[in-house]
Amino acid sequence: MKRPFAATVWRDGNWYVSQCLEVDIASLGETEAEALANLKEALEVHFEPPQATRSPEVRVIEVEVGAG
C-alpha cells in the first residue's frame, strides 16, 4: 500500500535536509533528490513490521501514581 507524505527540503551548509511533516523523520543528502530518496527509504524502514530477532522478555513493574 502506498501513502503520500508531505516533506520539506532545505539546504544546511553542504547538505540538503529533508523532513517528513507527518512523521518525525528526517534525512540528509548531497542533493535535494538524494535527500528525498533517503527520506523515502527511512520512511519505508520506519513502517516495516518489526522483526524480532529473539523472543521478548515481558516484565511487570509497579509504579506509585499519585500522592497518598
N, C-alpha and C. Protein backbone atom coordinates (compact mmCIF):
# COMPACT_ATOMS: atom_id res chain seq x y z
N MET A 1 0.84 -1.17 0.00
CA MET A 1 0.00 0.00 0.00
C MET A 1 0.89 1.24 0.00
N LYS A 2 0.61 2.17 -0.87
CA LYS A 2 1.36 3.41 -0.91
C LYS A 2 0.54 4.51 -0.26
N ARG A 3 1.25 5.40 0.42
CA ARG A 3 0.60 6.53 1.08
C ARG A 3 1.46 7.76 0.86
N PRO A 4 0.88 8.89 0.50
CA PRO A 4 1.68 10.10 0.31
C PRO A 4 2.03 10.76 1.64
N PHE A 5 3.20 11.36 1.70
CA PHE A 5 3.64 12.13 2.86
C PHE A 5 4.18 13.46 2.38
N ALA A 6 3.91 14.51 3.11
CA ALA A 6 4.45 15.83 2.79
C ALA A 6 5.86 15.95 3.38
N ALA A 7 6.74 16.58 2.63
CA ALA A 7 8.12 16.74 3.10
C ALA A 7 8.62 18.13 2.75
N THR A 8 9.51 18.62 3.57
CA THR A 8 10.20 19.88 3.27
C THR A 8 11.66 19.56 3.03
N VAL A 9 12.31 20.39 2.23
CA VAL A 9 13.74 20.23 1.95
C VAL A 9 14.39 21.59 2.06
N TRP A 10 15.52 21.66 2.74
CA TRP A 10 16.27 22.91 2.82
C TRP A 10 17.77 22.61 2.84
N ARG A 11 18.53 23.61 2.51
CA ARG A 11 19.98 23.45 2.48
C ARG A 11 20.55 23.86 3.83
N ASP A 12 21.47 23.05 4.34
CA ASP A 12 22.16 23.34 5.60
C ASP A 12 23.65 23.11 5.36
N GLY A 13 24.36 24.16 5.04
CA GLY A 13 25.78 24.03 4.70
C GLY A 13 25.94 23.29 3.38
N ASN A 14 26.69 22.21 3.39
CA ASN A 14 26.91 21.41 2.19
C ASN A 14 25.85 20.32 1.98
N TRP A 15 24.89 20.24 2.87
CA TRP A 15 23.90 19.16 2.83
C TRP A 15 22.51 19.71 2.57
N TYR A 16 21.67 18.84 2.02
CA TYR A 16 20.23 19.11 1.93
C TYR A 16 19.56 18.25 2.99
N VAL A 17 18.65 18.84 3.72
CA VAL A 17 17.91 18.13 4.77
C VAL A 17 16.47 17.99 4.29
N SER A 18 15.95 16.78 4.40
CA SER A 18 14.54 16.54 4.08
C SER A 18 13.86 16.04 5.35
N GLN A 19 12.66 16.56 5.58
CA GLN A 19 11.93 16.20 6.80
C GLN A 19 10.48 15.91 6.45
N CYS A 20 9.99 14.80 6.96
CA CYS A 20 8.58 14.44 6.78
C CYS A 20 7.76 15.27 7.76
N LEU A 21 6.65 15.83 7.29
CA LEU A 21 5.83 16.68 8.15
C LEU A 21 4.85 15.90 9.01
N GLU A 22 4.48 14.68 8.60
CA GLU A 22 3.52 13.89 9.37
C GLU A 22 4.19 12.95 10.38
N VAL A 23 5.40 12.54 10.09
CA VAL A 23 6.13 11.60 10.96
C VAL A 23 7.46 12.26 11.30
N ASP A 24 7.90 12.13 12.52
CA ASP A 24 9.14 12.79 12.95
C ASP A 24 10.36 12.05 12.43
N ILE A 25 10.60 12.16 11.11
CA ILE A 25 11.73 11.51 10.47
C ILE A 25 12.35 12.51 9.51
N ALA A 26 13.68 12.55 9.51
CA ALA A 26 14.42 13.44 8.61
C ALA A 26 15.60 12.68 8.03
N SER A 27 16.15 13.21 6.94
CA SER A 27 17.30 12.58 6.31
C SER A 27 18.14 13.64 5.62
N LEU A 28 19.33 13.25 5.19
CA LEU A 28 20.27 14.15 4.52
C LEU A 28 20.64 13.63 3.15
N GLY A 29 21.15 14.53 2.32
CA GLY A 29 21.70 14.14 1.03
C GLY A 29 22.55 15.26 0.47
N GLU A 30 23.40 14.93 -0.49
CA GLU A 30 24.23 15.95 -1.13
C GLU A 30 23.44 16.78 -2.13
N THR A 31 22.26 16.27 -2.56
CA THR A 31 21.35 16.99 -3.45
C THR A 31 19.95 16.88 -2.87
N GLU A 32 19.04 17.72 -3.39
CA GLU A 32 17.65 17.62 -2.95
C GLU A 32 17.09 16.24 -3.27
N ALA A 33 17.38 15.75 -4.47
CA ALA A 33 16.86 14.44 -4.88
C ALA A 33 17.39 13.34 -3.97
N GLU A 34 18.66 13.41 -3.61
CA GLU A 34 19.24 12.38 -2.74
C GLU A 34 18.63 12.47 -1.34
N ALA A 35 18.43 13.68 -0.84
CA ALA A 35 17.82 13.84 0.48
C ALA A 35 16.41 13.27 0.50
N LEU A 36 15.64 13.52 -0.56
CA LEU A 36 14.28 12.96 -0.63
C LEU A 36 14.29 11.45 -0.79
N ALA A 37 15.22 10.92 -1.58
CA ALA A 37 15.32 9.46 -1.73
C ALA A 37 15.69 8.82 -0.40
N ASN A 38 16.60 9.44 0.34
CA ASN A 38 16.98 8.91 1.65
C ASN A 38 15.83 9.00 2.64
N LEU A 39 15.03 10.07 2.54
CA LEU A 39 13.86 10.19 3.41
C LEU A 39 12.84 9.11 3.07
N LYS A 40 12.63 8.86 1.80
CA LYS A 40 11.70 7.80 1.38
C LYS A 40 12.14 6.46 1.95
N GLU A 41 13.44 6.16 1.85
CA GLU A 41 13.96 4.90 2.39
C GLU A 41 13.77 4.83 3.90
N ALA A 42 14.03 5.93 4.59
CA ALA A 42 13.87 5.96 6.05
C ALA A 42 12.41 5.73 6.44
N LEU A 43 11.48 6.32 5.69
CA LEU A 43 10.06 6.11 5.98
C LEU A 43 9.65 4.67 5.72
N GLU A 44 10.17 4.07 4.65
CA GLU A 44 9.84 2.67 4.36
C GLU A 44 10.34 1.76 5.47
N VAL A 45 11.54 2.02 5.98
CA VAL A 45 12.08 1.22 7.09
C VAL A 45 11.25 1.45 8.35
N HIS A 46 10.85 2.69 8.59
CA HIS A 46 10.05 3.02 9.77
C HIS A 46 8.74 2.25 9.80
N PHE A 47 8.12 2.08 8.64
CA PHE A 47 6.81 1.43 8.59
C PHE A 47 6.88 -0.08 8.35
N GLU A 48 8.08 -0.65 8.25
CA GLU A 48 8.19 -2.11 8.13
C GLU A 48 7.71 -2.76 9.42
N PRO A 49 7.05 -3.90 9.32
CA PRO A 49 6.65 -4.60 10.55
C PRO A 49 7.90 -5.00 11.34
N PRO A 50 7.84 -4.92 12.65
CA PRO A 50 9.00 -5.31 13.46
C PRO A 50 9.34 -6.79 13.27
N GLN A 51 10.61 -7.07 13.23
CA GLN A 51 11.11 -8.43 13.10
C GLN A 51 11.92 -8.75 14.35
N ALA A 52 11.34 -9.49 15.25
CA ALA A 52 12.04 -9.84 16.48
C ALA A 52 13.15 -10.84 16.18
N THR A 53 14.33 -10.56 16.68
CA THR A 53 15.44 -11.50 16.50
C THR A 53 15.45 -12.54 17.61
N ARG A 54 14.78 -12.23 18.70
CA ARG A 54 14.60 -13.20 19.78
C ARG A 54 13.30 -12.87 20.48
N SER A 55 12.77 -13.81 21.19
CA SER A 55 11.51 -13.58 21.89
C SER A 55 11.69 -12.52 22.96
N PRO A 56 10.78 -11.56 23.03
CA PRO A 56 10.92 -10.51 24.04
C PRO A 56 10.65 -11.05 25.43
N GLU A 57 11.34 -10.50 26.40
CA GLU A 57 11.10 -10.84 27.80
C GLU A 57 10.15 -9.79 28.36
N VAL A 58 8.92 -10.20 28.63
CA VAL A 58 7.91 -9.27 29.14
C VAL A 58 8.00 -9.28 30.66
N ARG A 59 8.07 -8.11 31.23
CA ARG A 59 8.16 -7.97 32.69
C ARG A 59 7.07 -7.03 33.17
N VAL A 60 6.68 -7.18 34.40
CA VAL A 60 5.68 -6.32 35.01
C VAL A 60 6.38 -5.47 36.05
N ILE A 61 6.09 -4.18 36.01
CA ILE A 61 6.64 -3.28 37.03
C ILE A 61 5.50 -2.56 37.72
N GLU A 62 5.68 -2.20 38.97
CA GLU A 62 4.68 -1.45 39.71
C GLU A 62 5.21 -0.04 39.92
N VAL A 63 4.32 0.93 39.73
CA VAL A 63 4.70 2.33 39.84
C VAL A 63 3.72 3.04 40.75
N GLU A 64 4.21 3.83 41.67
CA GLU A 64 3.38 4.63 42.57
C GLU A 64 2.83 5.80 41.75
N VAL A 65 1.50 5.92 41.67
CA VAL A 65 0.88 7.01 40.94
C VAL A 65 -0.03 7.79 41.87
N GLY A 66 0.32 9.01 42.13
CA GLY A 66 -0.48 9.86 42.99
C GLY A 66 0.06 9.86 44.42
N ALA A 67 -0.01 11.01 45.03
CA ALA A 67 0.46 11.14 46.42
C ALA A 67 -0.59 10.62 47.36
N GLY A 68 -0.18 9.88 48.34
CA GLY A 68 -1.13 9.26 49.24
C GLY A 68 -1.14 9.88 50.53
